[in-house]
């Protein structure tokens, strides 16, 4: 059941032409990343904070200041 739902989600994402998927939920992040690998589209999945950091020009956690 969950794989059918995930496949449906990935078809919906693909139909939008989105360049990335953004979520705030870690469980959803893991599921959606798996969905992009298994069903496509081959686009990145970001946590909302990661996307915000990228918008400020920060490459990743190693460059973030505490």
C-alpha atoms as a PDB file:
ATOM      1  CA  UNK A   1       0.000   0.000   0.000  1.00  0.00           C
ATOM      2  CA  UNK A   2       2.696   2.516   0.946  1.00  0.00           C
ATOM      3  CA  UNK A   3       4.623   1.885  -2.303  1.00  0.00           C
ATOM      4  CA  UNK A   4       1.493   2.538  -4.360  1.00  0.00           C
ATOM      5  CA  UNK A   5       0.965   5.783  -2.491  1.00  0.00           C
ATOM      6  CA  UNK A   6       4.599   6.791  -2.962  1.00  0.00           C
ATOM      7  CA  UNK A   7       4.448   5.995  -6.674  1.00  0.00           C
ATOM      8  CA  UNK A   8       1.343   8.179  -6.937  1.00  0.00           C
ATOM      9  CA  UNK A   9       3.118  11.011  -5.089  1.00  0.00           C
ATOM     10  CA  UNK A  10       6.083  10.790  -7.438  1.00  0.00           C
ATOM     11  CA  UNK A  11       3.819  10.922 -10.503  1.00  0.00           C
ATOM     12  CA  UNK A  12       2.183  14.028  -9.038  1.00  0.00           C
ATOM     13  CA  UNK A  13       5.585  15.638  -8.422  1.00  0.00           C
ATOM     14  CA  UNK A  14       6.726  14.802 -11.959  1.00  0.00           C
ATOM     15  CA  UNK A  15       3.578  16.352 -13.427  1.00  0.00           C
ATOM     16  CA  UNK A  16       4.424  19.716 -11.848  1.00  0.00           C
ATOM     17  CA  UNK A  17       7.834  20.061 -13.458  1.00  0.00           C
ATOM     18  CA  UNK A  18       9.281  20.928 -10.037  1.00  0.00           C
ATOM     19  CA  UNK A  19      13.049  21.223  -9.772  1.00  0.00           C
ATOM     20  CA  UNK A  20      13.133  20.061  -6.132  1.00  0.00           C
ATOM     21  CA  UNK A  21      10.983  18.720  -3.314  1.00  0.00           C
ATOM     22  CA  UNK A  22      11.012  20.575   0.017  1.00  0.00           C
ATOM     23  CA  UNK A  23       9.679  19.209   3.300  1.00  0.00           C
ATOM     24  CA  UNK A  24      10.018  19.982   7.001  1.00  0.00           C
ATOM     25  CA  UNK A  25       9.296  16.419   8.137  1.00  0.00           C
ATOM     26  CA  UNK A  26      12.316  14.078   8.421  1.00  0.00           C
ATOM     27  CA  UNK A  27      10.184  10.964   7.846  1.00  0.00           C
ATOM     28  CA  UNK A  28       8.696  12.445   4.685  1.00  0.00           C
ATOM     29  CA  UNK A  29      12.174  13.496   3.562  1.00  0.00           C
ATOM     30  CA  UNK A  30      13.414   9.911   3.766  1.00  0.00           C
ATOM     31  CA  UNK A  31      10.335   8.540   1.990  1.00  0.00           C
ATOM     32  CA  UNK A  32      10.459  11.146  -0.778  1.00  0.00           C
ATOM     33  CA  UNK A  33      14.183  10.638  -1.390  1.00  0.00           C
ATOM     34  CA  UNK A  34      13.526   6.933  -1.775  1.00  0.00           C
ATOM     35  CA  UNK A  35      10.679   7.721  -4.129  1.00  0.00           C
ATOM     36  CA  UNK A  36      12.867   9.849  -6.377  1.00  0.00           C
ATOM     37  CA  UNK A  37      15.395   7.012  -6.618  1.00  0.00           C
ATOM     38  CA  UNK A  38      12.819   4.275  -7.217  1.00  0.00           C
ATOM     39  CA  UNK A  39      10.193   6.047  -9.347  1.00  0.00           C
ATOM     40  CA  UNK A  40      11.664   9.426 -10.391  1.00  0.00           C
ATOM     41  CA  UNK A  41      11.811  12.213 -11.151  1.00  0.00           C
ATOM     42  CA  UNK A  42      15.517  12.506 -10.374  1.00  0.00           C
ATOM     43  CA  UNK A  43      15.341  15.756  -8.405  1.00  0.00           C
ATOM     44  CA  UNK A  44      16.798  16.712  -5.026  1.00  0.00           C
ATOM     45  CA  UNK A  45      14.821  16.563  -1.788  1.00  0.00           C
ATOM     46  CA  UNK A  46      15.622  19.301   0.729  1.00  0.00           C
ATOM     47  CA  UNK A  47      14.685  20.023   4.298  1.00  0.00           C
ATOM     48  CA  UNK A  48      13.232  23.528   4.482  1.00  0.00           C
ATOM     49  CA  UNK A  49      16.182  24.719   6.613  1.00  0.00           C
ATOM     50  CA  UNK A  50      18.651  23.331   4.078  1.00  0.00           C
ATOM     51  CA  UNK A  51      16.911  25.255   1.300  1.00  0.00           C
ATOM     52  CA  UNK A  52      16.984  28.422   3.392  1.00  0.00           C
ATOM     53  CA  UNK A  53      20.720  27.938   4.031  1.00  0.00           C
ATOM     54  CA  UNK A  54      21.318  27.489   0.314  1.00  0.00           C
ATOM     55  CA  UNK A  55      19.442  30.716  -0.368  1.00  0.00           C
ATOM     56  CA  UNK A  56      21.979  32.467   1.886  1.00  0.00           C
ATOM     57  CA  UNK A  57      24.827  30.907  -0.088  1.00  0.00           C
ATOM     58  CA  UNK A  58      25.805  28.324   2.529  1.00  0.00           C
ATOM     59  CA  UNK A  59      26.924  25.054   0.970  1.00  0.00           C
ATOM     60  CA  UNK A  60      25.934  22.671   3.742  1.00  0.00           C
ATOM     61  CA  UNK A  61      26.135  21.790   7.420  1.00  0.00           C
ATOM     62  CA  UNK A  62      29.932  22.028   7.482  1.00  0.00           C
ATOM     63  CA  UNK A  63      29.684  25.735   6.631  1.00  0.00           C
ATOM     64  CA  UNK A  64      26.890  26.560   9.077  1.00  0.00           C
ATOM     65  CA  UNK A  65      27.824  28.466  12.230  1.00  0.00           C
ATOM     66  CA  UNK A  66      26.479  27.505  15.657  1.00  0.00           C
END
